[in-house]
Amino acid sequence: MDFNDIQVTINKGICTIKLNRPDVRNALGLTLRKELKEFFSSVKENDEIKVIVLTGEGKAFSAGGDLSSLKEIDAVKGRLRLQSGHEMIQSIIDLEKPVIAAVNGAAAGAGFSLALACDLIIAKRSSFFVQSFTNVGLVPDLGSIYFLPRLIGRQRAMELMLLGERVTAEQALSLGIINRVVEDDSFEDEVYRLSSRLAEGPGFAAGLTKKLVNRSVLASISETFELEGFAQGLCFESEDFKEGVQAFFEKRKPRFN
């Protein structure tokens, strides 16, 4: 398959996907979302691929939603946009192969959500995570509201979502958000060791294990996606969102009403 916004390489059963928009810190534009969904939906029967590593090109994992494309958005367009993101996340969940998020830099907003949808998260020590939605007048989307409270509890999740503060990789590890923190200079080697171990394991059993665990803990994620789309649609039409986006591009603190 030919892609524009992602790079795909396969080596010894390990498929590495790089989000390839480094000029905008790998923001999740519509094309990128569509390409990820198409890829994850297409590799189910590919026996050459045993494990997928998802990472970012350049200095960021993903800065989240592409705010430059949201200036003229309304509730209807916003809901359709979210549906493309939901399909992307669902394709990761449905794939019966392990997916590792190799967080090489900032994982912000929807980029944080994308990492949470993966089965394991390994991060550079210099990386960070931030639920940045509130900083532009939005609710967390692409599954963060579903995943994060289940990982770290209601109070901790509310704190990260309402305050929009950065969490270091070390803090994310202690909170139980991620699996491993690795020094920057050994990050790629450690990602390879982890993915190789999974690639050499019993792929059929691993796929069924993922399916069973997801059935156990993700039973109502579709309902969350529906409510998320409704709430975000309202936010897209709010004055706070318009002010948040304008402040972001003007590099100033927003003045919410």
Protein backbone atom coordinates (compact mmCIF):
# COMPACT_ATOMS: atom_id res chain seq x y z
CA MET A 1 0.00 0.00 0.00
CA ASP A 2 1.15 3.53 -0.78
CA PHE A 3 1.01 6.10 2.02
CA ASN A 4 1.76 9.81 2.35
CA ASP A 5 1.70 10.49 6.08
CA ILE A 6 3.09 7.24 7.46
CA GLN A 7 6.18 5.16 6.69
CA VAL A 8 5.94 1.36 6.91
CA THR A 9 8.91 -1.02 7.10
CA ILE A 10 8.97 -4.75 7.87
CA ASN A 11 11.96 -6.66 9.21
CA LYS A 12 12.01 -10.12 10.79
CA GLY A 13 8.32 -10.07 11.68
CA ILE A 14 8.47 -6.54 13.12
CA CYS A 15 6.48 -3.89 11.29
CA THR A 16 7.48 -0.34 12.18
CA ILE A 17 5.03 2.47 11.42
CA LYS A 18 6.36 6.01 11.62
CA LEU A 19 3.99 8.93 11.78
CA ASN A 20 5.62 11.03 9.09
CA ARG A 21 4.60 14.67 9.53
CA PRO A 22 7.59 15.99 11.50
CA ASP A 23 7.02 19.56 10.30
CA VAL A 24 3.81 19.65 12.41
CA ARG A 25 5.08 17.30 15.13
CA ASN A 26 3.15 14.40 13.59
CA ALA A 27 -0.26 16.00 14.14
CA LEU A 28 -3.10 13.59 13.42
CA GLY A 29 -4.62 15.06 10.28
CA LEU A 30 -7.41 13.32 8.40
CA THR A 31 -5.07 11.70 5.88
CA LEU A 32 -2.85 10.27 8.61
CA ARG A 33 -5.86 8.92 10.51
CA LYS A 34 -7.22 7.31 7.37
CA GLU A 35 -3.88 5.74 6.49
CA LEU A 36 -3.40 4.27 9.96
CA LYS A 37 -6.91 2.84 9.89
CA GLU A 38 -6.35 1.35 6.44
CA PHE A 39 -3.04 -0.17 7.50
CA PHE A 40 -4.26 -1.74 10.74
CA SER A 41 -7.39 -3.05 9.01
CA SER A 42 -5.34 -4.63 6.20
CA VAL A 43 -2.68 -6.58 8.10
CA LYS A 44 -4.86 -9.05 9.99
CA GLU A 45 -4.11 -11.87 7.57
CA ASN A 46 -0.48 -10.89 6.91
CA ASP A 47 1.51 -13.72 8.49
CA GLU A 48 4.76 -11.90 7.78
CA ILE A 49 3.89 -9.34 10.47
CA LYS A 50 4.03 -10.59 14.06
CA VAL A 51 4.17 -7.29 15.97
CA ILE A 52 3.68 -3.62 15.12
CA VAL A 53 5.77 -0.74 16.49
CA LEU A 54 4.13 2.67 16.24
CA THR A 55 6.43 5.68 16.60
CA GLY A 56 6.99 9.21 15.31
CA GLU A 57 9.42 10.71 12.84
CA GLY A 58 11.52 13.55 14.26
CA LYS A 59 11.35 14.83 17.83
CA ALA A 60 7.68 14.13 18.64
CA PHE A 61 5.51 11.05 18.86
CA SER A 62 2.40 13.09 18.05
CA ALA A 63 1.22 16.57 18.99
CA GLY A 64 -2.39 15.40 18.67
CA GLY A 65 -5.10 17.02 16.58
CA ASP A 66 -4.11 19.30 13.72
CA LEU A 67 -5.43 22.62 15.03
CA SER A 68 -4.69 24.39 11.75
CA SER A 69 -7.57 22.43 10.18
CA LEU A 70 -10.06 23.20 12.96
CA LYS A 71 -10.50 26.95 12.65
CA GLU A 72 -13.76 26.74 10.65
CA ILE A 73 -15.11 23.54 12.16
CA ASP A 74 -18.67 23.12 13.46
CA ALA A 75 -20.49 20.39 15.39
CA VAL A 76 -21.45 18.35 12.32
CA LYS A 77 -18.00 18.48 10.71
CA GLY A 78 -16.40 17.87 14.09
CA ARG A 79 -18.40 14.73 14.68
CA LEU A 80 -17.46 13.34 11.27
CA ARG A 81 -13.83 14.16 11.99
CA LEU A 82 -13.99 12.32 15.30
CA GLN A 83 -15.51 9.30 13.62
CA SER A 84 -12.39 8.98 11.46
CA GLY A 85 -10.31 9.06 14.64
CA HIS A 86 -12.54 6.50 16.33
CA GLU A 87 -12.19 4.15 13.37
CA MET A 88 -8.39 4.53 13.60
CA ILE A 89 -8.38 3.69 17.32
CA GLN A 90 -10.82 0.80 16.86
CA SER A 91 -8.62 -0.70 14.13
CA ILE A 92 -5.74 -0.90 16.62
CA ILE A 93 -7.95 -2.49 19.26
CA ASP A 94 -9.42 -5.02 16.82
CA LEU A 95 -6.09 -6.16 15.37
CA GLU A 96 -5.12 -9.51 16.91
CA LYS A 97 -1.43 -8.68 16.95
CA PRO A 98 0.54 -6.82 19.66
CA VAL A 99 0.97 -3.10 19.00
CA ILE A 100 3.76 -1.23 20.80
CA ALA A 101 3.70 2.55 21.11
CA ALA A 102 7.36 3.63 21.03
CA VAL A 103 6.99 7.18 22.35
CA ASN A 104 10.03 9.09 21.14
CA GLY A 105 8.93 12.58 22.21
CA ALA A 106 5.80 14.57 23.01
CA ALA A 107 2.54 12.60 23.15
CA ALA A 108 -0.04 15.36 23.46
CA GLY A 109 -3.82 15.41 23.24
CA ALA A 110 -4.99 12.88 20.66
CA GLY A 111 -1.37 11.71 20.39
CA PHE A 112 -1.63 10.65 24.04
CA SER A 113 -4.90 8.87 23.18
CA LEU A 114 -3.21 7.07 20.28
CA ALA A 115 -0.50 5.75 22.60
CA LEU A 116 -3.12 4.59 25.14
CA ALA A 117 -4.87 2.53 22.44
CA CYS A 118 -1.72 0.45 21.93
CA ASP A 119 -1.03 -2.70 23.92
CA LEU A 120 2.35 -1.69 25.37
CA ILE A 121 3.96 1.73 25.74
CA ILE A 122 7.73 2.22 25.90
CA ALA A 123 9.02 5.78 26.15
CA LYS A 124 12.23 7.77 25.93
CA ARG A 125 13.19 9.34 29.23
CA SER A 126 13.05 12.78 27.59
CA SER A 127 9.50 12.25 26.30
CA PHE A 128 6.38 13.58 27.98
CA PHE A 129 2.62 13.15 27.97
CA VAL A 130 -0.06 15.82 28.24
CA GLN A 131 -3.85 15.84 28.08
CA SER A 132 -3.80 19.17 26.30
CA PHE A 133 -7.47 19.27 25.26
CA THR A 134 -8.54 21.61 28.05
CA ASN A 135 -5.88 24.11 26.98
CA VAL A 136 -7.88 24.80 23.80
CA GLY A 137 -11.37 24.42 25.26
CA LEU A 138 -12.07 20.81 24.25
CA VAL A 139 -12.90 17.54 25.98
CA PRO A 140 -10.43 14.63 25.75
CA ASP A 141 -11.12 12.53 22.67
CA LEU A 142 -10.06 9.43 20.71
CA GLY A 143 -10.61 7.28 23.77
CA SER A 144 -8.63 9.07 26.50
CA ILE A 145 -11.76 9.42 28.63
CA TYR A 146 -12.20 5.66 28.37
CA PHE A 147 -8.62 4.46 28.76
CA LEU A 148 -7.05 6.83 31.28
CA PRO A 149 -9.42 6.44 34.29
CA ARG A 150 -9.21 2.67 33.90
CA LEU A 151 -5.43 2.84 34.04
CA ILE A 152 -4.86 5.31 36.86
CA GLY A 153 -8.21 5.87 38.59
CA ARG A 154 -10.78 8.64 38.42
CA GLN A 155 -9.05 11.28 40.55
CA ARG A 156 -5.67 11.03 38.84
CA ALA A 157 -7.27 11.03 35.40
CA MET A 158 -9.41 14.08 36.28
CA GLU A 159 -6.30 15.93 37.43
CA LEU A 160 -4.43 15.29 34.19
CA MET A 161 -7.46 16.11 32.03
CA LEU A 162 -8.68 19.23 33.84
CA LEU A 163 -5.27 20.84 34.44
CA GLY A 164 -3.62 19.85 31.17
CA GLU A 165 -0.20 19.62 32.79
CA ARG A 166 2.78 17.73 31.41
CA VAL A 167 3.65 14.32 32.80
CA THR A 168 7.24 13.16 32.40
CA ALA A 169 7.98 9.65 31.20
CA GLU A 170 9.12 8.72 34.71
CA GLN A 171 5.89 10.07 36.21
CA ALA A 172 3.85 8.24 33.57
CA LEU A 173 5.62 5.01 34.55
CA SER A 174 4.92 5.51 38.26
CA LEU A 175 1.26 6.28 37.52
CA GLY A 176 0.89 3.08 35.50
CA ILE A 177 0.28 4.81 32.17
CA ILE A 178 3.27 3.27 30.41
CA ASN A 179 5.26 0.04 30.69
CA ARG A 180 8.90 1.11 30.38
CA VAL A 181 11.15 4.17 30.37
CA VAL A 182 14.41 3.91 28.43
CA GLU A 183 17.40 6.22 28.20
CA ASP A 184 17.35 8.19 24.95
CA ASP A 185 20.59 6.79 23.56
CA SER A 186 19.44 3.16 23.98
CA PHE A 187 15.78 3.68 23.05
CA GLU A 188 15.84 2.13 19.57
CA ASP A 189 17.81 -0.89 20.78
CA GLU A 190 15.36 -1.52 23.61
CA VAL A 191 12.35 -1.13 21.31
CA TYR A 192 13.93 -3.70 18.98
CA ARG A 193 14.61 -6.13 21.84
CA LEU A 194 11.03 -5.89 23.10
CA SER A 195 9.44 -6.20 19.67
CA SER A 196 11.75 -9.10 18.73
CA ARG A 197 10.74 -10.97 21.85
CA LEU A 198 7.08 -10.60 20.90
CA ALA A 199 7.76 -11.46 17.24
CA GLU A 200 9.45 -14.70 18.31
CA GLY A 201 6.59 -15.66 20.63
CA PRO A 202 3.37 -17.60 19.93
CA GLY A 203 1.55 -15.13 17.68
CA PHE A 204 -1.77 -17.01 17.67
CA ALA A 205 -1.91 -17.12 21.47
CA ALA A 206 -0.80 -13.49 21.74
CA GLY A 207 -3.58 -12.40 19.40
CA LEU A 208 -6.20 -14.33 21.34
CA THR A 209 -4.84 -12.98 24.63
CA LYS A 210 -5.26 -9.43 23.31
CA LYS A 211 -8.78 -10.21 22.13
CA LEU A 212 -9.81 -11.72 25.47
CA VAL A 213 -8.30 -8.88 27.53
CA ASN A 214 -9.99 -6.28 25.34
CA ARG A 215 -13.32 -8.10 25.61
CA SER A 216 -12.88 -8.04 29.38
CA VAL A 217 -12.00 -4.37 29.87
CA LEU A 218 -13.15 -2.51 26.73
CA ALA A 219 -16.73 -3.76 26.49
CA SER A 220 -18.42 -0.34 26.22
CA ILE A 221 -15.87 1.75 24.37
CA SER A 222 -18.29 2.23 21.46
CA GLU A 223 -20.72 3.97 23.82
CA THR A 224 -17.90 6.23 25.00
CA PHE A 225 -17.03 7.11 21.41
CA GLU A 226 -20.67 8.10 20.77
CA LEU A 227 -20.85 10.35 23.85
CA GLU A 228 -17.41 11.77 23.08
CA GLY A 229 -18.53 12.76 19.58
CA PHE A 230 -21.59 14.56 20.98
CA ALA A 231 -19.60 16.44 23.63
CA GLN A 232 -16.77 17.42 21.33
CA GLY A 233 -19.24 18.66 18.74
CA LEU A 234 -20.64 21.10 21.30
CA CYS A 235 -17.12 22.22 22.24
CA PHE A 236 -16.22 22.85 18.60
CA GLU A 237 -18.96 25.48 18.46
CA SER A 238 -18.04 27.18 21.74
CA GLU A 239 -16.35 30.56 22.08
CA ASP A 240 -13.80 28.97 24.42
CA PHE A 241 -12.60 26.65 21.65
CA LYS A 242 -12.26 29.52 19.17
CA GLU A 243 -10.29 31.51 21.76
CA GLY A 244 -8.16 28.48 22.63
CA VAL A 245 -7.14 27.88 19.03
CA GLN A 246 -6.43 31.56 18.40
CA ALA A 247 -4.32 31.76 21.56
CA PHE A 248 -2.41 28.64 20.53
CA PHE A 249 -1.36 30.17 17.23
CA GLU A 250 -0.64 33.55 18.84
CA LYS A 251 1.50 31.76 21.46
CA ARG A 252 -0.30 33.32 24.42
CA LYS A 253 -2.39 32.15 27.35
CA PRO A 254 -6.08 31.79 26.36
CA ARG A 255 -8.72 33.99 28.01
CA PHE A 256 -11.64 31.62 28.47
CA ASN A 257 -15.11 32.98 29.22
